[in-house]
Amino acid sequence: MERTRFVELIRKKESGEITLLEQKELNEALAADESYAEILQSLKVLSATGPVFNKTKEADAGIEKLRKRIRQAERKQKGRIFSIPARWMTAAAILLVLCTGGLLYFFMGRPGQRPEAAVVATAKGSRTSLILPDGTRIWVNADTRLTYDHTFGAKTRTVYLSGEAYFEVAKDKAHPFIVHTASMDVTAVGTAFNVRSYKDESSAQTTLMEGAVEVAFKRKEAGRILLKPMEKVIVRNSATVAGFHEKELPEIAVLKVSYDSAEAAAPETRWLKNRLVFSQERLETIVKTLERYYGCTIRVQDEALLHRRLSGIFQDESLGEVLESFRLAAGIQYKIDKNNVLLYK
């Protein structure tokens, strides 16, 4: 099993979202690789309260425990040919990634001082979820950074988002929940909504599923609006995005959200169920989504292809299967070399 997949399964197990098939996959991985069992043993001290990977002191203790075992082995083997058990080194390496790496949690602050902020950062090809101290549940999409202050919930409930996340906000009228992005601030009391705000995309959007949110725009002349359930607001990014003509996008647009009752989901939130949904979207936009979803790099050889519009719904399909469907539907050729993809006519 790849380490990134093991990390994802551990996160799902800790958040209570792991399926029976995923639990079976995790059990098989534990039986096949002793280093994974070492990791779970070291992580037990992290599960007392809150998100398990937020505790840097306990994380350091887990890593130190593995180091101690290595030192003890060194003393026993003194004077003889010595080889550190590979599983211990693997466990130490993955534990370090779990506690400080791409898809999990860590605190930021200068040594010796109280931590200033907690950060959740996901790499391309990875997603995670967490529960904040106030009970708010958040699902974090790939290539996303979510930050909140260590005083969260005491006086304010404020988070900062770059990327995409889905929020189920715990009700607290005295402390509104605010999501800050580059182009807008979203305020809620108790509701469910999706926010997408990637720096390299031509627009940002907030989609309200239930409850109510107030959206304040960073451009002062734009003011603010109140969204109703099953509405979304799209805001054109102020920065110029290569390949997009700004006149093609309105400054601000409020649209109704389509809802598939059979799937109990809107297109904007299907990523929560591991689905990719494209509805007459430019290949330029699709490429960015595929790069984040599959953790790959895609190069388009012919610029004219970037303006092609494609549609499709994909469920747990490989990158090759998605690209093959584009080839059959639109004649877009492709070559895959490990994590690098070339698209051409």
C-alpha atoms as a PDB file:
ATOM      1  CA  MET A   1       0.000   0.000   0.000  1.00  0.00           C
ATOM      2  CA  GLU A   2       1.235   3.501  -0.817  1.00  0.00           C
ATOM      3  CA  ARG A   3       2.016   5.646   2.224  1.00  0.00           C
ATOM      4  CA  THR A   4      -0.385   8.385   1.097  1.00  0.00           C
ATOM      5  CA  ARG A   5      -3.220   5.848   0.985  1.00  0.00           C
ATOM      6  CA  PHE A   6      -2.340   4.586   4.468  1.00  0.00           C
ATOM      7  CA  VAL A   7      -2.411   8.173   5.789  1.00  0.00           C
ATOM      8  CA  GLU A   8      -5.816   8.729   4.189  1.00  0.00           C
ATOM      9  CA  LEU A   9      -7.254   5.573   5.767  1.00  0.00           C
ATOM     10  CA  ILE A  10      -5.931   6.538   9.201  1.00  0.00           C
ATOM     11  CA  ARG A  11      -7.585   9.953   8.907  1.00  0.00           C
ATOM     12  CA  LYS A  12     -10.889   8.343   7.923  1.00  0.00           C
ATOM     13  CA  LYS A  13     -10.682   5.889  10.810  1.00  0.00           C
ATOM     14  CA  GLU A  14      -9.998   8.697  13.316  1.00  0.00           C
ATOM     15  CA  SER A  15     -12.923  10.787  11.992  1.00  0.00           C
ATOM     16  CA  GLY A  16     -15.311   7.806  11.988  1.00  0.00           C
ATOM     17  CA  GLU A  17     -15.890   7.959   8.232  1.00  0.00           C
ATOM     18  CA  ILE A  18     -14.112   4.778   7.188  1.00  0.00           C
ATOM     19  CA  THR A  19     -16.225   2.293   5.213  1.00  0.00           C
ATOM     20  CA  LEU A  20     -16.225  -1.481   5.703  1.00  0.00           C
ATOM     21  CA  LEU A  21     -14.200  -1.974   2.518  1.00  0.00           C
ATOM     22  CA  GLU A  22     -11.691   0.672   3.601  1.00  0.00           C
ATOM     23  CA  GLN A  23     -11.412  -0.904   7.066  1.00  0.00           C
ATOM     24  CA  LYS A  24     -10.701  -4.244   5.373  1.00  0.00           C
ATOM     25  CA  GLU A  25      -8.042  -2.535   3.232  1.00  0.00           C
ATOM     26  CA  LEU A  26      -6.469  -0.996   6.338  1.00  0.00           C
ATOM     27  CA  ASN A  27      -6.462  -4.316   8.215  1.00  0.00           C
ATOM     28  CA  GLU A  28      -4.768  -6.027   5.285  1.00  0.00           C
ATOM     29  CA  ALA A  29      -2.110  -3.302   5.171  1.00  0.00           C
ATOM     30  CA  LEU A  30      -1.434  -3.693   8.891  1.00  0.00           C
ATOM     31  CA  ALA A  31      -1.066  -7.442   8.491  1.00  0.00           C
ATOM     32  CA  ALA A  32       1.237  -7.086   5.485  1.00  0.00           C
ATOM     33  CA  ASP A  33       3.577  -4.374   6.797  1.00  0.00           C
ATOM     34  CA  GLU A  34       4.835  -4.316  10.415  1.00  0.00           C
ATOM     35  CA  SER A  35       5.888  -0.660  10.117  1.00  0.00           C
ATOM     36  CA  TYR A  36       2.225   0.381   9.929  1.00  0.00           C
ATOM     37  CA  ALA A  37       1.531  -1.372  13.233  1.00  0.00           C
ATOM     38  CA  GLU A  38       4.454   0.572  14.745  1.00  0.00           C
ATOM     39  CA  ILE A  39       2.829   3.802  13.595  1.00  0.00           C
ATOM     40  CA  LEU A  40      -0.546   2.986  15.130  1.00  0.00           C
ATOM     41  CA  GLN A  41       1.136   2.087  18.424  1.00  0.00           C
ATOM     42  CA  SER A  42       3.004   5.409  18.426  1.00  0.00           C
ATOM     43  CA  LEU A  43      -0.147   7.367  17.565  1.00  0.00           C
ATOM     44  CA  LYS A  44      -2.197   6.043  20.506  1.00  0.00           C
ATOM     45  CA  VAL A  45      -0.946   8.862  22.718  1.00  0.00           C
ATOM     46  CA  LEU A  46      -2.383  11.378  20.253  1.00  0.00           C
ATOM     47  CA  SER A  47      -6.035  10.383  20.521  1.00  0.00           C
ATOM     48  CA  ALA A  48      -7.017  11.809  23.925  1.00  0.00           C
ATOM     49  CA  THR A  49      -8.854  14.926  22.708  1.00  0.00           C
ATOM     50  CA  GLY A  50      -9.461  16.822  19.484  1.00  0.00           C
ATOM     51  CA  PRO A  51      -7.898  16.192  16.078  1.00  0.00           C
ATOM     52  CA  VAL A  52      -5.200  13.629  16.754  1.00  0.00           C
ATOM     53  CA  PHE A  53      -2.537  15.218  14.591  1.00  0.00           C
ATOM     54  CA  ASN A  54      -2.799  18.671  16.156  1.00  0.00           C
ATOM     55  CA  LYS A  55      -0.616  17.769  19.126  1.00  0.00           C
ATOM     56  CA  THR A  56       2.974  18.452  18.327  1.00  0.00           C
ATOM     57  CA  LYS A  57       4.273  17.534  21.817  1.00  0.00           C
ATOM     58  CA  GLU A  58       2.668  14.113  21.699  1.00  0.00           C
ATOM     59  CA  ALA A  59       3.789  13.691  18.096  1.00  0.00           C
ATOM     60  CA  ASP A  60       7.369  14.395  19.156  1.00  0.00           C
ATOM     61  CA  ALA A  61       6.931  11.840  21.944  1.00  0.00           C
ATOM     62  CA  GLY A  62       5.817   9.208  19.453  1.00  0.00           C
ATOM     63  CA  ILE A  63       8.793   9.843  17.212  1.00  0.00           C
ATOM     64  CA  GLU A  64      11.138   9.857  20.214  1.00  0.00           C
ATOM     65  CA  LYS A  65       9.766   6.466  21.268  1.00  0.00           C
ATOM     66  CA  LEU A  66      10.784   5.023  17.922  1.00  0.00           C
ATOM     67  CA  ARG A  67      14.211   6.667  18.179  1.00  0.00           C
ATOM     68  CA  LYS A  68      14.689   5.139  21.634  1.00  0.00           C
ATOM     69  CA  ARG A  69      13.977   1.682  20.263  1.00  0.00           C
ATOM     70  CA  ILE A  70      16.543   2.270  17.552  1.00  0.00           C
ATOM     71  CA  ARG A  71      19.160   3.408  20.124  1.00  0.00           C
ATOM     72  CA  GLN A  72      18.456   0.337  22.279  1.00  0.00           C
ATOM     73  CA  ALA A  73      18.993  -1.866  19.253  1.00  0.00           C
ATOM     74  CA  GLU A  74      22.251  -0.047  18.553  1.00  0.00           C
ATOM     75  CA  ARG A  75      23.560  -0.743  22.083  1.00  0.00           C
ATOM     76  CA  LYS A  76      22.640  -4.426  21.844  1.00  0.00           C
ATOM     77  CA  GLN A  77      24.409  -4.744  18.529  1.00  0.00           C
ATOM     78  CA  LYS A  78      27.522  -2.798  19.578  1.00  0.00           C
ATOM     79  CA  GLY A  79      30.659  -4.370  18.179  1.00  0.00           C
ATOM     80  CA  ARG A  80      28.742  -6.415  15.624  1.00  0.00           C
ATOM     81  CA  ILE A  81      27.472  -5.738  12.129  1.00  0.00           C
ATOM     82  CA  PHE A  82      24.415  -3.612  12.727  1.00  0.00           C
ATOM     83  CA  SER A  83      21.321  -2.902  10.666  1.00  0.00           C
ATOM     84  CA  ILE A  84      18.404  -0.848  11.988  1.00  0.00           C
ATOM     85  CA  PRO A  85      15.115  -2.669  11.355  1.00  0.00           C
ATOM     86  CA  ALA A  86      13.619  -1.180   8.210  1.00  0.00           C
ATOM     87  CA  ARG A  87      10.129  -1.156   9.696  1.00  0.00           C
ATOM     88  CA  TRP A  88      11.265   1.170  12.520  1.00  0.00           C
ATOM     89  CA  MET A  89      12.793   3.626  10.082  1.00  0.00           C
ATOM     90  CA  THR A  90       9.677   3.472   7.919  1.00  0.00           C
ATOM     91  CA  ALA A  91       7.426   4.009  10.934  1.00  0.00           C
ATOM     92  CA  ALA A  92       9.460   7.014  12.084  1.00  0.00           C
ATOM     93  CA  ALA A  93       9.389   8.520   8.617  1.00  0.00           C
ATOM     94  CA  ILE A  94       5.645   8.099   8.130  1.00  0.00           C
ATOM     95  CA  LEU A  95       4.854   9.293  11.655  1.00  0.00           C
ATOM     96  CA  LEU A  96       6.840  12.435  10.902  1.00  0.00           C
ATOM     97  CA  VAL A  97       4.825  12.916   7.720  1.00  0.00           C
ATOM     98  CA  LEU A  98       1.577  12.353   9.602  1.00  0.00           C
ATOM     99  CA  CYS A  99       2.428  14.991  12.169  1.00  0.00           C
ATOM    100  CA  THR A 100       4.085  17.637  10.004  1.00  0.00           C
ATOM    101  CA  GLY A 101       3.451  16.767   6.391  1.00  0.00           C
ATOM    102  CA  GLY A 102       1.298  17.554   3.420  1.00  0.00           C
ATOM    103  CA  LEU A 103      -2.195  16.442   4.268  1.00  0.00           C
ATOM    104  CA  LEU A 104      -2.380  16.743   8.043  1.00  0.00           C
ATOM    105  CA  TYR A 105      -2.280  19.228  10.885  1.00  0.00           C
ATOM    106  CA  PHE A 106       0.421  21.271  12.543  1.00  0.00           C
ATOM    107  CA  PHE A 107       0.789  24.385  14.688  1.00  0.00           C
ATOM    108  CA  MET A 108       2.699  27.446  13.593  1.00  0.00           C
ATOM    109  CA  GLY A 109       4.624  29.587  16.034  1.00  0.00           C
ATOM    110  CA  ARG A 110       8.113  30.557  17.130  1.00  0.00           C
ATOM    111  CA  PRO A 111       9.986  28.147  19.429  1.00  0.00           C
ATOM    112  CA  GLY A 112       9.190  28.719  23.094  1.00  0.00           C
ATOM    113  CA  GLN A 113       6.039  30.692  22.357  1.00  0.00           C
ATOM    114  CA  ARG A 114       2.408  29.734  22.367  1.00  0.00           C
ATOM    115  CA  PRO A 115       1.271  28.487  18.927  1.00  0.00           C
ATOM    116  CA  GLU A 116      -0.353  31.223  16.859  1.00  0.00           C
ATOM    117  CA  ALA A 117      -2.377  29.194  14.384  1.00  0.00           C
ATOM    118  CA  ALA A 118      -3.402  25.673  13.451  1.00  0.00           C
ATOM    119  CA  VAL A 119      -3.070  24.741   9.797  1.00  0.00           C
ATOM    120  CA  VAL A 120      -4.668  21.937   7.807  1.00  0.00           C
ATOM    121  CA  ALA A 121      -2.904  21.487   4.469  1.00  0.00           C
ATOM    122  CA  THR A 122      -3.672  18.854   1.844  1.00  0.00           C
ATOM    123  CA  ALA A 123      -1.428  17.928  -1.046  1.00  0.00           C
ATOM    124  CA  LYS A 124      -2.636  17.250  -4.569  1.00  0.00           C
ATOM    125  CA  GLY A 125      -4.289  13.859  -4.698  1.00  0.00           C
ATOM    126  CA  SER A 126      -5.220  13.942  -0.981  1.00  0.00           C
ATOM    127  CA  ARG A 127      -8.265  14.976   1.046  1.00  0.00           C
ATOM    128  CA  THR A 128      -9.054  14.991   4.738  1.00  0.00           C
ATOM    129  CA  SER A 129     -11.690  15.962   7.299  1.00  0.00           C
ATOM    130  CA  LEU A 130     -11.715  17.315  10.826  1.00  0.00           C
ATOM    131  CA  ILE A 131     -13.938  18.498  13.659  1.00  0.00           C
ATOM    132  CA  LEU A 132     -13.180  21.906  15.153  1.00  0.00           C
ATOM    133  CA  PRO A 133     -13.397  22.569  18.924  1.00  0.00           C
ATOM    134  CA  ASP A 134     -16.914  24.003  18.526  1.00  0.00           C
ATOM    135  CA  GLY A 135     -18.200  20.845  16.825  1.00  0.00           C
ATOM    136  CA  THR A 136     -18.094  22.207  13.272  1.00  0.00           C
ATOM    137  CA  ARG A 137     -17.255  19.486  10.719  1.00  0.00           C
ATOM    138  CA  ILE A 138     -15.082  20.330   7.729  1.00  0.00           C
ATOM    139  CA  TRP A 139     -14.173  18.276   4.669  1.00  0.00           C
ATOM    140  CA  VAL A 140     -11.027  19.580   2.971  1.00  0.00           C
ATOM    141  CA  ASN A 141     -10.437  18.999  -0.730  1.00  0.00           C
ATOM    142  CA  ALA A 142      -7.080  18.470  -2.439  1.00  0.00           C
ATOM    143  CA  ASP A 143      -4.432  21.210  -2.688  1.00  0.00           C
ATOM    144  CA  THR A 144      -6.080  23.239   0.080  1.00  0.00           C
ATOM    145  CA  ARG A 145      -4.872  25.220   3.085  1.00  0.00           C
ATOM    146  CA  LEU A 146      -7.185  25.939   6.035  1.00  0.00           C
ATOM    147  CA  THR A 147      -5.967  28.051   8.964  1.00  0.00           C
ATOM    148  CA  TYR A 148      -7.574  28.949  12.282  1.00  0.00           C
ATOM    149  CA  ASP A 149      -6.301  30.695  15.413  1.00  0.00           C
ATOM    150  CA  HIS A 150      -5.555  28.797  18.631  1.00  0.00           C
ATOM    151  CA  THR A 151      -8.241  30.916  20.367  1.00  0.00           C
ATOM    152  CA  PHE A 152     -10.918  29.646  17.956  1.00  0.00           C
ATOM    153  CA  GLY A 153     -14.304  29.468  19.674  1.00  0.00           C
ATOM    154  CA  ALA A 154     -13.376  31.611  22.685  1.00  0.00           C
ATOM    155  CA  LYS A 155     -14.382  34.966  21.204  1.00  0.00           C
ATOM    156  CA  THR A 156     -14.682  34.373  17.480  1.00  0.00           C
ATOM    157  CA  ARG A 157     -14.993  31.456  15.056  1.00  0.00           C
ATOM    158  CA  THR A 158     -12.813  32.470  12.140  1.00  0.00           C
ATOM    159  CA  VAL A 159     -10.988  30.368   9.549  1.00  0.00           C
ATOM    160  CA  TYR A 160      -8.939  31.274   6.473  1.00  0.00           C
ATOM    161  CA  LEU A 161      -9.256  29.206   3.307  1.00  0.00           C
ATOM    162  CA  SER A 162      -7.250  28.844   0.123  1.00  0.00           C
ATOM    163  CA  GLY A 163      -8.652  25.945  -1.895  1.00  0.00           C
ATOM    164  CA  GLU A 164     -11.934  24.108  -1.362  1.00  0.00           C
ATOM    165  CA  ALA A 165     -13.791  22.888   1.719  1.00  0.00           C
ATOM    166  CA  TYR A 166     -17.282  21.868   2.777  1.00  0.00           C
ATOM    167  CA  PHE A 167     -18.564  23.138   6.141  1.00  0.00           C
ATOM    168  CA  GLU A 168     -21.271  21.859   8.476  1.00  0.00           C
ATOM    169  CA  VAL A 169     -21.257  24.653  11.037  1.00  0.00           C
ATOM    170  CA  ALA A 170     -22.283  24.070  14.648  1.00  0.00           C
ATOM    171  CA  LYS A 171     -24.950  26.525  15.766  1.00  0.00           C
ATOM    172  CA  ASP A 172     -23.785  29.389  17.974  1.00  0.00           C
ATOM    173  CA  LYS A 173     -25.634  32.673  17.478  1.00  0.00           C
ATOM    174  CA  ALA A 174     -23.276  34.504  19.815  1.00  0.00           C
ATOM    175  CA  HIS A 175     -20.251  33.573  17.717  1.00  0.00           C
ATOM    176  CA  PRO A 176     -20.852  33.679  13.936  1.00  0.00           C
ATOM    177  CA  PHE A 177     -18.634  31.376  11.871  1.00  0.00           C
ATOM    178  CA  ILE A 178     -16.597  33.284   9.268  1.00  0.00           C
ATOM    179  CA  VAL A 179     -14.636  31.878   6.331  1.00  0.00           C
ATOM    180  CA  HIS A 180     -12.140  34.359   4.871  1.00  0.00           C
ATOM    181  CA  THR A 181     -10.974  33.886   1.273  1.00  0.00           C
ATOM    182  CA  ALA A 182      -9.077  36.106  -1.157  1.00  0.00           C
ATOM    183  CA  SER A 183     -12.244  37.480  -2.781  1.00  0.00           C
ATOM    184  CA  MET A 184     -15.007  37.136  -0.169  1.00  0.00           C
ATOM    185  CA  ASP A 185     -15.885  36.529   3.467  1.00  0.00           C
ATOM    186  CA  VAL A 186     -18.666  34.030   4.242  1.00  0.00           C
ATOM    187  CA  THR A 187     -20.540  34.373   7.548  1.00  0.00           C
ATOM    188  CA  ALA A 188     -22.826  31.683   9.000  1.00  0.00           C
ATOM    189  CA  VAL A 189     -24.382  30.774  12.333  1.00  0.00           C
ATOM    190  CA  GLY A 190     -25.380  27.153  11.755  1.00  0.00           C
ATOM    191  CA  THR A 191     -25.576  25.872   8.213  1.00  0.00           C
ATOM    192  CA  ALA A 192     -23.992  23.728   5.483  1.00  0.00           C
ATOM    193  CA  PHE A 193     -22.113  25.208   2.550  1.00  0.00           C
ATOM    194  CA  ASN A 194     -19.216  24.691   0.152  1.00  0.00           C
ATOM    195  CA  VAL A 195     -16.490  27.264  -0.564  1.00  0.00           C
ATOM    196  CA  ARG A 196     -14.115  27.000  -3.520  1.00  0.00           C
ATOM    197  CA  SER A 197     -11.345  29.585  -3.813  1.00  0.00           C
ATOM    198  CA  TYR A 198      -8.207  28.439  -5.639  1.00  0.00           C
ATOM    199  CA  LYS A 199      -5.655  31.106  -6.518  1.00  0.00           C
ATOM    200  CA  ASP A 200      -5.083  29.744 -10.014  1.00  0.00           C
ATOM    201  CA  GLU A 201      -8.763  29.665 -11.022  1.00  0.00           C
ATOM    202  CA  SER A 202     -10.644  32.473 -12.749  1.00  0.00           C
ATOM    203  CA  SER A 203     -13.439  32.584 -10.172  1.00  0.00           C
ATOM    204  CA  ALA A 204     -14.327  31.684  -6.597  1.00  0.00           C
ATOM    205  CA  GLN A 205     -17.709  30.460  -5.387  1.00  0.00           C
ATOM    206  CA  THR A 206     -19.802  29.712  -2.340  1.00  0.00           C
ATOM    207  CA  THR A 207     -22.630  27.172  -2.590  1.00  0.00           C
ATOM    208  CA  LEU A 208     -25.280  27.085   0.160  1.00  0.00           C
ATOM    209  CA  MET A 209     -26.961  23.757   0.811  1.00  0.00           C
ATOM    210  CA  GLU A 210     -29.022  24.612   3.902  1.00  0.00           C
ATOM    211  CA  GLY A 211     -29.469  27.473   6.357  1.00  0.00           C
ATOM    212  CA  ALA A 212     -28.287  30.949   5.399  1.00  0.00           C
ATOM    213  CA  VAL A 213     -24.969  32.700   4.822  1.00  0.00           C
ATOM    214  CA  GLU A 214     -23.996  36.298   4.258  1.00  0.00           C
ATOM    215  CA  VAL A 215     -21.289  36.859   1.659  1.00  0.00           C
ATOM    216  CA  ALA A 216     -19.260  40.067   1.865  1.00  0.00           C
ATOM    217  CA  PHE A 217     -17.045  40.862  -1.106  1.00  0.00           C
ATOM    218  CA  LYS A 218     -13.521  42.183  -0.719  1.00  0.00           C
ATOM    219  CA  ARG A 219     -14.178  44.852  -3.343  1.00  0.00           C
ATOM    220  CA  LYS A 220     -15.894  47.579  -1.334  1.00  0.00           C
ATOM    221  CA  GLU A 221     -18.161  48.656  -4.176  1.00  0.00           C
ATOM    222  CA  ALA A 222     -19.579  45.130  -4.452  1.00  0.00           C
ATOM    223  CA  GLY A 223     -21.175  45.163  -0.985  1.00  0.00           C
ATOM    224  CA  ARG A 224     -22.714  41.950   0.383  1.00  0.00           C
ATOM    225  CA  ILE A 225     -25.561  39.529  -0.289  1.00  0.00           C
ATOM    226  CA  LEU A 226     -27.571  36.945   1.626  1.00  0.00           C
ATOM    227  CA  LEU A 227     -27.688  33.509   0.008  1.00  0.00           C
ATOM    228  CA  LYS A 228     -30.733  31.254   0.242  1.00  0.00           C
ATOM    229  CA  PRO A 229     -30.597  27.438   0.289  1.00  0.00           C
ATOM    230  CA  MET A 230     -29.599  25.895  -3.049  1.00  0.00           C
ATOM    231  CA  GLU A 231     -28.057  29.119  -4.308  1.00  0.00           C
ATOM    232  CA  LYS A 232     -24.440  29.855  -5.135  1.00  0.00           C
ATOM    233  CA  VAL A 233     -22.501  33.036  -5.756  1.00  0.00           C
ATOM    234  CA  ILE A 234     -19.636  33.168  -8.253  1.00  0.00           C
ATOM    235  CA  VAL A 235     -17.051  35.929  -7.942  1.00  0.00           C
ATOM    236  CA  ARG A 236     -14.532  36.709 -10.665  1.00  0.00           C
ATOM    237  CA  ASN A 237     -11.004  36.729  -9.321  1.00  0.00           C
ATOM    238  CA  SER A 238      -9.276  40.095  -9.515  1.00  0.00           C
ATOM    239  CA  ALA A 239      -6.065  38.471 -10.715  1.00  0.00           C
ATOM    240  CA  THR A 240      -5.824  37.651 -14.408  1.00  0.00           C
ATOM    241  CA  VAL A 241      -5.798  33.916 -15.043  1.00  0.00           C
ATOM    242  CA  ALA A 242      -3.948  32.715 -18.116  1.00  0.00           C
ATOM    243  CA  GLY A 243      -6.235  31.583 -20.909  1.00  0.00           C
ATOM    244  CA  PHE A 244      -9.387  33.270 -19.584  1.00  0.00           C
ATOM    245  CA  HIS A 245     -10.845  36.445 -20.981  1.00  0.00           C
ATOM    246  CA  GLU A 246     -12.332  38.430 -18.111  1.00  0.00           C
ATOM    247  CA  LYS A 247     -15.215  39.657 -20.250  1.00  0.00           C
ATOM    248  CA  GLU A 248     -16.444  36.056 -20.373  1.00  0.00           C
ATOM    249  CA  LEU A 249     -17.077  36.082 -16.629  1.00  0.00           C
ATOM    250  CA  PRO A 250     -19.472  38.411 -14.793  1.00  0.00           C
ATOM    251  CA  GLU A 251     -18.055  40.309 -11.842  1.00  0.00           C
ATOM    252  CA  ILE A 252     -20.549  38.644  -9.481  1.00  0.00           C
ATOM    253  CA  ALA A 253     -23.320  36.181 -10.302  1.00  0.00           C
ATOM    254  CA  VAL A 254     -25.921  34.436  -8.132  1.00  0.00           C
ATOM    255  CA  LEU A 255     -27.249  31.178  -9.567  1.00  0.00           C
ATOM    256  CA  LYS A 256     -29.657  28.421  -8.577  1.00  0.00           C
ATOM    257  CA  VAL A 257     -28.030  25.096  -7.719  1.00  0.00           C
ATOM    258  CA  SER A 258     -29.244  21.982  -9.507  1.00  0.00           C
ATOM    259  CA  TYR A 259     -29.887  19.039  -7.209  1.00  0.00           C
ATOM    260  CA  ASP A 260     -29.900  15.380  -8.141  1.00  0.00           C
ATOM    261  CA  SER A 261     -32.387  13.793  -5.718  1.00  0.00           C
ATOM    262  CA  ALA A 262     -31.336  10.304  -6.812  1.00  0.00           C
ATOM    263  CA  GLU A 263     -27.761  10.985  -5.714  1.00  0.00           C
ATOM    264  CA  ALA A 264     -28.783  13.366  -2.909  1.00  0.00           C
ATOM    265  CA  ALA A 265     -26.096  15.779  -4.058  1.00  0.00           C
ATOM    266  CA  ALA A 266     -25.454  18.928  -6.047  1.00  0.00           C
ATOM    267  CA  PRO A 267     -22.654  19.017  -8.649  1.00  0.00           C
ATOM    268  CA  GLU A 268     -20.696  21.429  -6.441  1.00  0.00           C
ATOM    269  CA  THR A 269     -20.548  18.919  -3.573  1.00  0.00           C
ATOM    270  CA  ARG A 270     -20.147  15.615  -5.399  1.00  0.00           C
ATOM    271  CA  TRP A 271     -16.418  15.693  -4.662  1.00  0.00           C
ATOM    272  CA  LEU A 272     -17.403  14.694  -1.118  1.00  0.00           C
ATOM    273  CA  LYS A 273     -18.529  11.336  -2.566  1.00  0.00           C
ATOM    274  CA  ASN A 274     -15.391  10.891  -4.643  1.00  0.00           C
ATOM    275  CA  ARG A 275     -17.093  12.011  -7.859  1.00  0.00           C
ATOM    276  CA  LEU A 276     -15.774  14.245 -10.623  1.00  0.00           C
ATOM    277  CA  VAL A 277     -18.465  16.278 -12.379  1.00  0.00           C
ATOM    278  CA  PHE A 278     -17.879  18.440 -15.454  1.00  0.00           C
ATOM    279  CA  SER A 279     -20.726  20.289 -17.164  1.00  0.00           C
ATOM    280  CA  GLN A 280     -19.628  21.991 -20.368  1.00  0.00           C
ATOM    281  CA  GLU A 281     -16.440  23.171 -18.671  1.00  0.00           C
ATOM    282  CA  ARG A 282     -13.339  24.349 -20.473  1.00  0.00           C
ATOM    283  CA  LEU A 283     -10.518  21.849 -20.696  1.00  0.00           C
ATOM    284  CA  GLU A 284      -8.357  24.503 -19.032  1.00  0.00           C
ATOM    285  CA  THR A 285     -10.497  24.281 -15.891  1.00  0.00           C
ATOM    286  CA  ILE A 286     -10.799  20.500 -16.102  1.00  0.00           C
ATOM    287  CA  VAL A 287      -7.008  20.115 -16.245  1.00  0.00           C
ATOM    288  CA  LYS A 288      -6.578  21.951 -12.921  1.00  0.00           C
ATOM    289  CA  THR A 289      -9.225  19.743 -11.297  1.00  0.00           C
ATOM    290  CA  LEU A 290      -7.629  16.546 -12.594  1.00  0.00           C
ATOM    291  CA  GLU A 291      -4.180  17.640 -11.382  1.00  0.00           C
ATOM    292  CA  ARG A 292      -5.523  18.181  -7.874  1.00  0.00           C
ATOM    293  CA  TYR A 293      -7.635  15.033  -7.814  1.00  0.00           C
ATOM    294  CA  TYR A 294      -4.989  12.637  -9.116  1.00  0.00           C
ATOM    295  CA  GLY A 295      -1.843  14.431  -7.892  1.00  0.00           C
ATOM    296  CA  CYS A 296      -0.387  14.656 -11.403  1.00  0.00           C
ATOM    297  CA  THR A 297       0.987  17.276 -13.793  1.00  0.00           C
ATOM    298  CA  ILE A 298      -0.830  17.819 -17.096  1.00  0.00           C
ATOM    299  CA  ARG A 299       0.619  19.693 -20.080  1.00  0.00           C
ATOM    300  CA  VAL A 300      -1.551  20.698 -23.044  1.00  0.00           C
ATOM    301  CA  GLN A 301       0.482  20.772 -26.252  1.00  0.00           C
ATOM    302  CA  ASP A 302      -2.085  22.566 -28.418  1.00  0.00           C
ATOM    303  CA  GLU A 303      -3.416  25.792 -26.895  1.00  0.00           C
ATOM    304  CA  ALA A 304      -6.617  25.570 -28.928  1.00  0.00           C
ATOM    305  CA  LEU A 305      -7.614  22.541 -26.855  1.00  0.00           C
ATOM    306  CA  LEU A 306      -7.840  24.682 -23.732  1.00  0.00           C
ATOM    307  CA  HIS A 307     -11.055  26.253 -25.034  1.00  0.00           C
ATOM    308  CA  ARG A 308     -12.798  22.935 -25.720  1.00  0.00           C
ATOM    309  CA  ARG A 309     -15.800  22.326 -23.460  1.00  0.00           C
ATOM    310  CA  LEU A 310     -16.450  18.872 -22.037  1.00  0.00           C
ATOM    311  CA  SER A 311     -18.994  17.163 -19.809  1.00  0.00           C
ATOM    312  CA  GLY A 312     -18.870  13.994 -17.778  1.00  0.00           C
ATOM    313  CA  ILE A 313     -19.476  12.329 -14.408  1.00  0.00           C
ATOM    314  CA  PHE A 314     -16.812   9.966 -13.087  1.00  0.00           C
ATOM    315  CA  GLN A 315     -16.963   7.732 -10.009  1.00  0.00           C
ATOM    316  CA  ASP A 316     -13.780   6.130  -8.663  1.00  0.00           C
ATOM    317  CA  GLU A 317     -12.269   5.947 -12.155  1.00  0.00           C
ATOM    318  CA  SER A 318      -8.569   6.090 -12.901  1.00  0.00           C
ATOM    319  CA  LEU A 319      -6.952   9.035 -14.655  1.00  0.00           C
ATOM    320  CA  GLY A 320      -6.463   6.862 -17.724  1.00  0.00           C
ATOM    321  CA  GLU A 321     -10.167   6.006 -17.835  1.00  0.00           C
ATOM    322  CA  VAL A 322     -11.152   9.682 -17.608  1.00  0.00           C
ATOM    323  CA  LEU A 323      -8.736  10.675 -20.372  1.00  0.00           C
ATOM    324  CA  GLU A 324      -9.885   7.791 -22.548  1.00  0.00           C
ATOM    325  CA  SER A 325     -13.468   9.057 -22.312  1.00  0.00           C
ATOM    326  CA  PHE A 326     -12.269  12.499 -23.464  1.00  0.00           C
ATOM    327  CA  ARG A 327     -10.463  10.860 -26.382  1.00  0.00           C
ATOM    328  CA  LEU A 328     -13.565   8.999 -27.469  1.00  0.00           C
ATOM    329  CA  ALA A 329     -15.906  11.969 -27.006  1.00  0.00           C
ATOM    330  CA  ALA A 330     -13.750  14.826 -28.252  1.00  0.00           C
ATOM    331  CA  GLY A 331     -10.752  13.293 -30.003  1.00  0.00           C
ATOM    332  CA  ILE A 332      -8.260  14.567 -27.408  1.00  0.00           C
ATOM    333  CA  GLN A 333      -5.160  12.366 -27.498  1.00  0.00           C
ATOM    334  CA  TYR A 334      -3.068  11.690 -24.405  1.00  0.00           C
ATOM    335  CA  LYS A 335       0.136  10.133 -23.142  1.00  0.00           C
ATOM    336  CA  ILE A 336       0.758   9.167 -19.512  1.00  0.00           C
ATOM    337  CA  ASP A 337       4.271   8.809 -18.113  1.00  0.00           C
ATOM    338  CA  LYS A 338       4.014   8.096 -14.378  1.00  0.00           C
ATOM    339  CA  ASN A 339       2.598  11.349 -12.915  1.00  0.00           C
ATOM    340  CA  ASN A 340       3.098  13.386 -16.091  1.00  0.00           C
ATOM    341  CA  VAL A 341       0.393  13.687 -18.741  1.00  0.00           C
ATOM    342  CA  LEU A 342       0.522  15.203 -22.213  1.00  0.00           C
ATOM    343  CA  LEU A 343      -2.680  16.184 -24.059  1.00  0.00           C
ATOM    344  CA  TYR A 344      -2.625  16.881 -27.803  1.00  0.00           C
ATOM    345  CA  LYS A 345      -4.757  16.785 -30.935  1.00  0.00           C
END
